[in-house]
Amino acid sequence: MKRTFRIAIVGRPNVGKSTLFNTLTKSRKALVEKSPGVTRDRVYETAEIEGRKVTLIDTGGLVPGDEDIFAREIFKQAEQALKEADLILLVLDGQSGLTPVDEELASFLHRLEKPVIVVVNKLDGPRYDQILPEFYALGFEKIAGISAKHKRNLDDLKTLIAQYLPEETEEEQLEEEEVVKLAILGRPNVGKSSLVNRLLGEERMIVSEIPGTTRDSVDTFLELPDGRKYLLIDTAGIRRRPRIKERVEKFSVDKAFEALRRADIALMVLTAEEGITDQDQKILSQIDKHHKGCLILVNKWDLLDGKREEGNILLEQIRYGARFVPWAPILTISAKTGRRIKEILPLVDEIYRQYSTRVPTWKVNKALQEIVRDHSIYTKAGKRIKFYYGTQVDIRPPTFVIFSNYPDEIPKSFERYLRNRLRESLGFDKSPVKIIFRERK
């Protein structure tokens, strides 16, 4: 399938790139914060321009020549976005006027020989007409004056963008193929971005030894030669709330849990150095709460080479620590060396297959009868709880409604037992299931 038209949004720090990105995509995917340097990686999202779907790419603030480690990496990420782009939006701050950095970026973009629209942002006051002409000095023909925050003149910008869109093809009208959404979760510095880079085979995320490098949730599409498609959502490392001091880091944690909510499967990354921690268990409890598929990846397993007994003990500790998500397979990997990376997506495929499975009602009821046959459950008043029948009503997660005479008095312990037995009986050993109890009228 032909890829969508791609538009890269670039500019120096704090000119409103992420606000424009969020406004055009009608999302809150890109972090918006007054502190410069919040956006570091490229962020992708679909937008609709004049009835056509396009892909917008948000980038970090560019400061050419800055030798700071993150500035260099941000520039590298932005360069990659510019290579992929069919159109570039150069965002400038209308309140600040032209700066030497703006002029240097314009000179850089001229050398790329790609179409550029200059977007003069933050034009909130009455001096709009007086301010705009000075930006023609950058040498670009197309200029739009807007306020992304207040959604001013966005239609004019969209009209300019539409002039560069190719003619619509029949392919674009076809329904999008199924994409498995994977959220990569874990504490800071466990190797999440390195894992994404391994899966993609390119340096897509900024990777460093400094905890907290990834501050946003970043989407990347991965399509295999056989046509299988995945959306990889790399997230910021999740620390315990008392340790979250910066406001922007709190946003990052919220974004990580938002990524989990929109994912099908969580790739939960631990390390062989620390095993499973209290914080890992709290993240896993969120995965359990939202009934998401899960694959636990124990990274840095190369550190245990030649230490077989130590490795076996560690795996037992991890299995015990993750006992409340018994459907989650555990795979030992090394993002650094590539060990078992090729086994991840086949396991994901099996989890997703189960997560998307529908079971016939007769099979559900046969399993239910066998499970409750030898169990007598009573209410607090001593009345016997009966289970009449059940049926599957949804997938992702597989959701079952079970009818009972006293649905509100079923003990939590028996609910867990019933859920686990249904998983075993119906072929959901690698997928969570959700049970809803209802009273038979």
Protein backbone atom coordinates (compact mmCIF):
# COMPACT_ATOMS: atom_id res chain seq x y z
CA MET A 1 0.00 0.00 0.00
CA LYS A 2 1.31 3.41 -0.93
CA ARG A 3 2.44 5.45 2.07
CA THR A 4 0.66 8.68 2.95
CA PHE A 5 2.00 12.13 2.10
CA ARG A 6 4.41 13.18 4.87
CA ILE A 7 4.80 16.68 6.31
CA ALA A 8 7.67 17.51 8.69
CA ILE A 9 7.23 20.34 11.20
CA VAL A 10 10.56 21.98 12.08
CA GLY A 11 11.84 25.13 13.77
CA ARG A 12 13.91 26.36 16.66
CA PRO A 13 12.82 25.53 20.27
CA ASN A 14 9.61 26.92 21.74
CA VAL A 15 8.03 28.38 18.59
CA GLY A 16 4.85 26.25 18.92
CA LYS A 17 5.63 23.23 16.71
CA SER A 18 3.97 20.73 19.03
CA THR A 19 0.92 22.97 19.53
CA LEU A 20 0.51 23.16 15.75
CA PHE A 21 1.03 19.38 15.48
CA ASN A 22 -1.64 18.68 18.12
CA THR A 23 -4.06 21.18 16.58
CA LEU A 24 -3.76 19.78 13.05
CA THR A 25 -3.96 16.14 14.22
CA LYS A 26 -6.70 16.90 16.79
CA SER A 27 -4.67 15.01 19.37
CA ARG A 28 -2.57 15.59 22.45
CA LYS A 29 0.16 13.23 21.35
CA ALA A 30 3.01 15.75 21.33
CA LEU A 31 4.04 17.18 24.69
CA VAL A 32 3.47 20.92 25.01
CA GLU A 33 5.45 22.75 27.69
CA LYS A 34 6.97 26.21 27.93
CA SER A 35 10.41 24.75 28.65
CA PRO A 36 12.40 24.42 25.41
CA GLY A 37 13.61 20.95 24.43
CA VAL A 38 10.58 18.95 25.56
CA THR A 39 10.10 17.23 22.18
CA ARG A 40 13.23 15.21 21.39
CA ASP A 41 12.23 12.31 19.13
CA ARG A 42 10.12 12.39 15.98
CA VAL A 43 6.39 11.95 16.63
CA TYR A 44 4.04 10.72 13.89
CA GLU A 45 0.27 11.18 13.62
CA THR A 46 -2.37 11.23 10.91
CA ALA A 47 -4.17 14.47 10.05
CA GLU A 48 -6.87 15.35 7.56
CA ILE A 49 -6.14 18.16 5.11
CA GLU A 50 -8.94 19.13 2.71
CA GLY A 51 -10.46 15.65 3.08
CA ARG A 52 -7.14 13.85 2.50
CA LYS A 53 -5.15 11.85 5.04
CA VAL A 54 -1.55 12.94 5.57
CA THR A 55 1.14 12.04 8.10
CA LEU A 56 2.53 14.85 10.24
CA ILE A 57 5.98 14.49 11.85
CA ASP A 58 6.73 16.63 14.89
CA THR A 59 10.42 17.20 15.65
CA GLY A 60 12.57 18.62 18.42
CA GLY A 61 13.64 22.25 18.48
CA LEU A 62 16.63 22.81 16.20
CA VAL A 63 19.68 24.86 17.10
CA PRO A 64 22.31 24.35 14.36
CA GLY A 65 25.84 24.02 15.70
CA ASP A 66 24.80 23.36 19.32
CA GLU A 67 27.26 20.82 20.73
CA ASP A 68 25.02 19.63 23.58
CA ILE A 69 24.57 15.82 23.33
CA PHE A 70 20.78 16.06 23.16
CA ALA A 71 20.88 18.96 20.68
CA ARG A 72 23.04 16.85 18.32
CA GLU A 73 20.70 13.86 18.63
CA ILE A 74 17.60 16.04 18.15
CA PHE A 75 19.13 17.51 14.98
CA LYS A 76 19.88 13.98 13.75
CA GLN A 77 16.26 12.93 14.36
CA ALA A 78 14.96 16.04 12.60
CA GLU A 79 17.24 15.41 9.61
CA GLN A 80 15.71 11.94 9.28
CA ALA A 81 12.23 13.46 9.37
CA LEU A 82 13.25 15.93 6.63
CA LYS A 83 14.54 13.07 4.47
CA GLU A 84 11.17 11.29 4.77
CA ALA A 85 9.10 14.44 4.24
CA ASP A 86 7.32 15.42 1.04
CA LEU A 87 6.63 18.91 2.44
CA ILE A 88 8.26 20.96 5.23
CA LEU A 89 6.56 23.43 7.56
CA LEU A 90 9.14 25.86 8.97
CA VAL A 91 7.52 27.27 12.11
CA LEU A 92 8.67 30.70 13.34
CA ASP A 93 7.68 32.88 16.28
CA GLY A 94 5.81 35.95 15.02
CA GLN A 95 6.18 37.71 18.36
CA SER A 96 9.98 37.41 18.40
CA GLY A 97 10.51 38.27 14.74
CA LEU A 98 13.30 36.82 12.63
CA THR A 99 16.37 35.51 14.50
CA PRO A 100 19.81 34.39 13.27
CA VAL A 101 18.83 30.79 14.08
CA ASP A 102 15.74 31.11 11.85
CA GLU A 103 17.93 32.39 9.01
CA GLU A 104 20.41 29.54 9.48
CA LEU A 105 17.59 26.96 9.43
CA ALA A 106 16.13 28.57 6.28
CA SER A 107 19.51 28.34 4.58
CA PHE A 108 19.74 24.67 5.55
CA LEU A 109 16.24 23.95 4.17
CA HIS A 110 16.99 25.71 0.86
CA ARG A 111 19.78 23.18 0.28
CA LEU A 112 17.32 20.26 0.61
CA GLU A 113 15.40 21.44 -2.47
CA LYS A 114 12.07 20.35 -0.99
CA PRO A 115 8.88 22.44 -0.86
CA VAL A 116 8.70 24.62 2.26
CA ILE A 117 5.85 26.61 3.76
CA VAL A 118 6.89 29.25 6.31
CA VAL A 119 4.40 29.20 9.20
CA VAL A 120 4.58 32.37 11.29
CA ASN A 121 2.98 31.35 14.58
CA LYS A 122 1.75 33.29 17.65
CA LEU A 123 0.12 36.06 15.61
CA ASP A 124 -2.50 36.80 18.23
CA GLY A 125 -2.61 40.60 18.13
CA PRO A 126 -3.75 43.28 15.65
CA ARG A 127 -0.25 43.80 14.14
CA TYR A 128 -0.61 40.73 11.93
CA ASP A 129 -0.34 42.52 8.53
CA GLN A 130 2.65 44.58 9.65
CA ILE A 131 4.63 41.60 10.96
CA LEU A 132 4.22 39.07 8.14
CA PRO A 133 6.14 40.79 5.28
CA GLU A 134 9.53 40.67 7.07
CA PHE A 135 9.53 36.86 6.89
CA TYR A 136 9.70 36.91 3.07
CA ALA A 137 13.38 37.78 3.58
CA LEU A 138 13.99 34.03 4.13
CA GLY A 139 13.45 33.44 0.42
CA PHE A 140 10.40 31.15 0.51
CA GLU A 141 7.34 31.90 -1.61
CA LYS A 142 4.61 30.40 0.61
CA ILE A 143 3.98 32.04 3.99
CA ALA A 144 1.04 31.57 6.38
CA GLY A 145 0.44 33.69 9.47
CA ILE A 146 -1.41 31.75 12.19
CA SER A 147 -2.04 31.24 15.87
CA ALA A 148 -1.92 27.49 16.57
CA LYS A 149 -3.01 28.04 20.17
CA HIS A 150 -6.11 30.01 19.21
CA LYS A 151 -6.69 28.13 15.91
CA ARG A 152 -6.48 31.36 13.90
CA ASN A 153 -6.08 31.15 10.08
CA LEU A 154 -5.54 27.38 10.12
CA ASP A 155 -7.85 26.99 7.12
CA ASP A 156 -5.52 29.25 5.11
CA LEU A 157 -2.58 27.03 6.10
CA LYS A 158 -4.47 23.88 5.12
CA THR A 159 -5.31 25.42 1.73
CA LEU A 160 -1.59 26.07 1.14
CA ILE A 161 -0.70 22.50 2.17
CA ALA A 162 -3.39 21.05 -0.13
CA GLN A 163 -1.64 22.64 -3.14
CA TYR A 164 1.24 20.19 -2.65
CA LEU A 165 -0.83 17.01 -2.23
CA PRO A 166 -0.67 14.56 -5.16
CA GLU A 167 -3.83 13.48 -6.93
CA GLU A 168 -5.90 11.05 -4.89
CA THR A 169 -5.57 7.39 -5.92
CA GLU A 170 -7.97 4.48 -5.48
CA GLU A 171 -5.47 2.93 -3.04
CA GLU A 172 -6.01 5.79 -0.59
CA GLN A 173 -9.73 5.03 -0.51
CA LEU A 174 -9.17 1.42 0.60
CA GLU A 175 -9.75 0.65 4.26
CA GLU A 176 -6.58 0.59 6.33
CA GLU A 177 -5.14 -2.83 7.07
CA GLU A 178 -5.01 -4.15 10.61
CA VAL A 179 -2.12 -2.79 12.64
CA VAL A 180 -1.06 -4.35 15.96
CA LYS A 181 -0.42 -1.55 18.47
CA LEU A 182 2.45 -2.22 20.88
CA ALA A 183 3.24 0.01 23.88
CA ILE A 184 6.82 -0.38 25.14
CA LEU A 185 6.71 0.20 28.90
CA GLY A 186 9.15 0.07 31.79
CA ARG A 187 11.20 2.07 34.24
CA PRO A 188 13.79 4.59 33.00
CA ASN A 189 16.97 3.26 31.43
CA VAL A 190 15.91 -0.37 30.97
CA GLY A 191 16.58 -0.27 27.21
CA LYS A 192 13.17 0.50 25.70
CA SER A 193 14.48 2.78 22.96
CA SER A 194 17.34 0.39 22.17
CA LEU A 195 14.74 -2.36 21.78
CA VAL A 196 12.71 -0.23 19.33
CA ASN A 197 15.86 0.47 17.34
CA ARG A 198 16.60 -3.27 17.15
CA LEU A 199 13.09 -4.07 15.98
CA LEU A 200 13.25 -1.36 13.35
CA GLY A 201 16.83 -1.93 12.28
CA GLU A 202 17.58 1.80 12.39
CA GLU A 203 18.48 4.44 14.94
CA ARG A 204 14.90 5.68 15.28
CA MET A 205 14.88 6.70 18.96
CA ILE A 206 17.47 8.76 20.80
CA VAL A 207 19.38 6.27 22.97
CA SER A 208 21.67 7.31 25.81
CA GLU A 209 22.75 6.14 29.25
CA ILE A 210 21.03 9.13 30.87
CA PRO A 211 17.72 8.07 32.49
CA GLY A 212 14.68 9.91 31.16
CA THR A 213 15.89 10.50 27.60
CA THR A 214 12.48 9.68 26.10
CA ARG A 215 9.99 12.22 27.41
CA ASP A 216 7.12 11.70 25.00
CA SER A 217 5.25 8.68 23.67
CA VAL A 218 6.58 8.21 20.14
CA ASP A 219 4.80 6.21 17.42
CA THR A 220 6.66 4.34 14.71
CA PHE A 221 5.18 2.13 12.00
CA LEU A 222 6.88 -1.16 11.23
CA GLU A 223 5.85 -3.18 8.19
CA LEU A 224 7.41 -6.59 7.54
CA PRO A 225 8.05 -8.00 4.05
CA ASP A 226 5.10 -10.39 4.48
CA GLY A 227 2.74 -7.45 5.04
CA ARG A 228 2.33 -7.66 8.81
CA LYS A 229 2.04 -4.17 10.34
CA TYR A 230 2.86 -2.93 13.82
CA LEU A 231 2.66 0.43 15.57
CA LEU A 232 5.49 0.70 18.11
CA ILE A 233 4.78 3.24 20.86
CA ASP A 234 8.00 4.01 22.73
CA THR A 235 7.24 5.66 26.07
CA ALA A 236 9.04 7.58 28.76
CA GLY A 237 10.41 5.60 31.70
CA ILE A 238 7.86 5.39 34.49
CA ARG A 239 9.08 6.35 37.96
CA ARG A 240 7.12 6.24 41.20
CA ARG A 241 5.00 9.37 41.65
CA PRO A 242 6.92 10.74 44.70
CA ARG A 243 10.06 10.79 42.55
CA ILE A 244 8.46 12.78 39.77
CA LYS A 245 9.66 16.31 40.41
CA GLU A 246 9.50 17.99 37.03
CA ARG A 247 6.07 18.90 35.70
CA VAL A 248 7.11 17.72 32.26
CA GLU A 249 8.09 14.32 33.66
CA LYS A 250 4.62 13.95 35.18
CA PHE A 251 3.27 14.59 31.68
CA SER A 252 5.57 11.86 30.38
CA VAL A 253 4.20 9.30 32.85
CA ASP A 254 0.63 10.26 31.96
CA LYS A 255 1.52 9.86 28.27
CA ALA A 256 2.95 6.39 28.97
CA PHE A 257 -0.29 5.24 30.60
CA GLU A 258 -2.27 6.89 27.79
CA ALA A 259 -0.16 4.85 25.34
CA LEU A 260 -1.08 1.70 27.27
CA ARG A 261 -4.78 2.48 27.01
CA ARG A 262 -4.64 2.75 23.21
CA ALA A 263 -2.37 -0.28 22.72
CA ASP A 264 -3.36 -3.89 22.11
CA ILE A 265 -0.26 -5.39 23.71
CA ALA A 266 2.29 -4.07 26.20
CA LEU A 267 5.95 -4.98 25.85
CA MET A 268 7.03 -4.74 29.49
CA VAL A 269 10.81 -4.29 29.68
CA LEU A 270 12.72 -5.40 32.81
CA THR A 271 16.47 -5.90 33.20
CA ALA A 272 18.64 -8.82 34.29
CA GLU A 273 20.43 -6.38 36.60
CA GLU A 274 17.42 -5.55 38.77
CA GLY A 275 14.87 -8.28 38.02
CA ILE A 276 11.29 -7.34 38.89
CA THR A 277 10.83 -4.34 41.19
CA ASP A 278 7.86 -2.87 43.05
CA GLN A 279 7.51 -0.27 40.32
CA ASP A 280 7.48 -2.98 37.63
CA GLN A 281 4.66 -4.69 39.51
CA LYS A 282 2.69 -1.42 39.61
CA ILE A 283 3.06 -1.05 35.85
CA LEU A 284 1.97 -4.68 35.38
CA SER A 285 -1.05 -4.01 37.61
CA GLN A 286 -2.08 -1.26 35.15
CA ILE A 287 -1.70 -3.72 32.28
CA ASP A 288 -3.92 -6.14 34.23
CA LYS A 289 -6.45 -3.41 35.07
CA HIS A 290 -6.85 -2.47 31.40
CA HIS A 291 -6.96 -6.12 30.25
CA LYS A 292 -4.08 -5.71 27.80
CA GLY A 293 -2.02 -8.44 26.20
CA CYS A 294 1.49 -8.48 27.61
CA LEU A 295 4.94 -9.82 26.77
CA ILE A 296 7.55 -9.46 29.53
CA LEU A 297 11.02 -8.87 28.10
CA VAL A 298 14.00 -9.31 30.42
CA ASN A 299 16.66 -7.15 28.76
CA LYS A 300 20.46 -7.21 29.26
CA TRP A 301 20.40 -11.01 29.61
CA ASP A 302 23.93 -11.06 28.18
CA LEU A 303 25.10 -9.94 31.65
CA LEU A 304 24.23 -13.46 32.89
CA ASP A 305 26.26 -15.36 30.28
CA GLY A 306 27.94 -18.28 32.04
CA LYS A 307 25.69 -17.86 35.11
CA ARG A 308 22.96 -20.40 34.36
CA GLU A 309 21.89 -21.09 37.94
CA GLU A 310 21.69 -17.36 38.73
CA GLY A 311 19.60 -16.86 35.61
CA ASN A 312 17.18 -19.65 36.56
CA ILE A 313 16.70 -18.18 40.04
CA LEU A 314 16.07 -14.73 38.55
CA LEU A 315 13.44 -16.09 36.15
CA GLU A 316 11.63 -17.80 39.03
CA GLN A 317 11.62 -14.53 40.96
CA ILE A 318 10.21 -12.69 37.94
CA ARG A 319 7.50 -15.34 37.40
CA TYR A 320 6.47 -15.04 41.04
CA GLY A 321 6.52 -11.24 40.94
CA ALA A 322 4.34 -11.27 37.80
CA ARG A 323 2.00 -14.01 39.04
CA PHE A 324 -1.08 -11.74 38.73
CA VAL A 325 -0.54 -11.55 34.93
CA PRO A 326 -0.15 -15.31 34.32
CA TRP A 327 -0.99 -14.91 30.64
CA ALA A 328 2.14 -12.83 29.97
CA PRO A 329 4.98 -14.89 28.41
CA ILE A 330 8.51 -14.08 29.58
CA LEU A 331 11.36 -13.78 27.06
CA THR A 332 15.01 -13.11 27.90
CA ILE A 333 16.67 -10.78 25.39
CA SER A 334 19.56 -8.43 24.80
CA ALA A 335 18.78 -5.28 22.82
CA LYS A 336 22.53 -4.60 22.81
CA THR A 337 23.57 -7.88 21.13
CA GLY A 338 20.29 -8.69 19.35
CA ARG A 339 19.75 -11.93 21.29
CA ARG A 340 16.23 -13.36 20.72
CA ILE A 341 14.98 -10.09 19.23
CA LYS A 342 13.65 -12.09 16.27
CA GLU A 343 11.44 -14.12 18.64
CA ILE A 344 9.53 -11.07 19.88
CA LEU A 345 7.17 -10.41 16.95
CA PRO A 346 6.17 -14.09 16.44
CA LEU A 347 5.22 -14.16 20.15
CA VAL A 348 3.34 -10.86 19.71
CA ASP A 349 1.46 -12.41 16.77
CA GLU A 350 0.35 -15.37 18.90
CA ILE A 351 -0.74 -13.09 21.76
CA TYR A 352 -2.67 -10.90 19.31
CA ARG A 353 -4.30 -13.94 17.67
CA GLN A 354 -5.64 -15.08 21.05
CA TYR A 355 -6.53 -11.52 22.04
CA SER A 356 -8.69 -11.28 18.88
CA THR A 357 -10.30 -14.75 19.10
CA ARG A 358 -14.05 -15.40 19.32
CA VAL A 359 -15.28 -18.60 20.96
CA PRO A 360 -18.67 -20.19 20.09
CA THR A 361 -21.29 -19.93 22.86
CA TRP A 362 -21.67 -23.71 23.17
CA LYS A 363 -17.96 -24.02 23.89
CA VAL A 364 -18.11 -21.25 26.52
CA ASN A 365 -21.01 -22.99 28.30
CA LYS A 366 -19.36 -26.39 28.20
CA ALA A 367 -16.23 -24.95 29.85
CA LEU A 368 -18.35 -22.99 32.38
CA GLN A 369 -20.32 -26.09 33.43
CA GLU A 370 -17.13 -28.10 33.96
CA ILE A 371 -15.50 -25.30 36.00
CA VAL A 372 -18.44 -24.69 38.40
CA ARG A 373 -19.62 -28.33 38.65
CA ASP A 374 -17.50 -29.17 41.68
CA HIS A 375 -17.74 -25.79 43.42
CA SER A 376 -20.43 -24.55 45.78
CA ILE A 377 -20.34 -20.75 46.24
CA TYR A 378 -22.64 -18.98 48.71
CA THR A 379 -23.70 -15.41 49.47
CA LYS A 380 -23.11 -13.87 52.90
CA ALA A 381 -26.72 -14.75 53.71
CA GLY A 382 -26.02 -18.41 52.97
CA LYS A 383 -27.82 -18.63 49.62
CA ARG A 384 -26.17 -20.65 46.88
CA ILE A 385 -24.78 -18.72 43.91
CA LYS A 386 -25.71 -20.32 40.60
CA PHE A 387 -24.09 -19.78 37.20
CA TYR A 388 -26.62 -20.28 34.40
CA TYR A 389 -24.82 -19.63 31.12
CA GLY A 390 -22.22 -17.43 29.46
CA THR A 391 -21.38 -15.95 26.08
CA GLN A 392 -18.54 -13.99 24.51
CA VAL A 393 -19.58 -10.43 23.64
CA ASP A 394 -16.33 -8.81 22.51
CA ILE A 395 -12.65 -9.22 21.58
CA ARG A 396 -9.47 -7.29 22.42
CA PRO A 397 -9.85 -8.24 25.20
CA PRO A 398 -11.95 -11.41 24.88
CA THR A 399 -14.95 -10.42 27.01
CA PHE A 400 -17.48 -12.85 28.47
CA VAL A 401 -20.83 -12.13 30.08
CA ILE A 402 -21.85 -14.77 32.63
CA PHE A 403 -25.38 -14.81 34.04
CA SER A 404 -25.93 -15.62 37.72
CA ASN A 405 -28.61 -15.29 40.39
CA TYR A 406 -26.39 -13.16 42.67
CA PRO A 407 -23.78 -11.49 40.40
CA ASP A 408 -22.81 -8.81 42.94
CA GLU A 409 -21.93 -11.33 45.64
CA ILE A 410 -19.48 -13.49 43.72
CA PRO A 411 -16.20 -13.49 45.74
CA LYS A 412 -13.19 -11.87 44.04
CA SER A 413 -11.14 -15.00 44.72
CA PHE A 414 -13.63 -17.15 42.78
CA GLU A 415 -13.78 -14.56 39.99
CA ARG A 416 -9.99 -14.87 39.57
CA TYR A 417 -10.24 -18.66 39.66
CA LEU A 418 -13.03 -18.66 37.06
CA ARG A 419 -11.13 -16.25 34.81
CA ASN A 420 -7.96 -18.35 34.89
CA ARG A 421 -9.83 -21.61 34.29
CA LEU A 422 -11.71 -20.09 31.34
CA ARG A 423 -8.40 -18.97 29.85
CA GLU A 424 -7.01 -22.49 30.16
CA SER A 425 -10.14 -24.19 28.82
CA LEU A 426 -10.76 -21.86 25.87
CA GLY A 427 -7.20 -21.46 24.57
CA PHE A 428 -6.27 -18.06 26.04
CA ASP A 429 -3.04 -19.10 27.76
CA LYS A 430 -1.27 -15.97 26.38
CA SER A 431 -4.16 -13.51 26.58
CA PRO A 432 -6.16 -11.87 29.37
CA VAL A 433 -9.92 -12.33 29.44
CA LYS A 434 -12.52 -10.01 30.91
CA ILE A 435 -15.59 -11.31 32.74
CA ILE A 436 -18.81 -9.38 33.37
CA PHE A 437 -21.37 -10.91 35.72
CA ARG A 438 -25.04 -10.12 35.17
CA GLU A 439 -28.25 -11.15 36.85
CA ARG A 440 -30.58 -13.40 34.88
CA LYS A 441 -33.91 -11.65 34.60
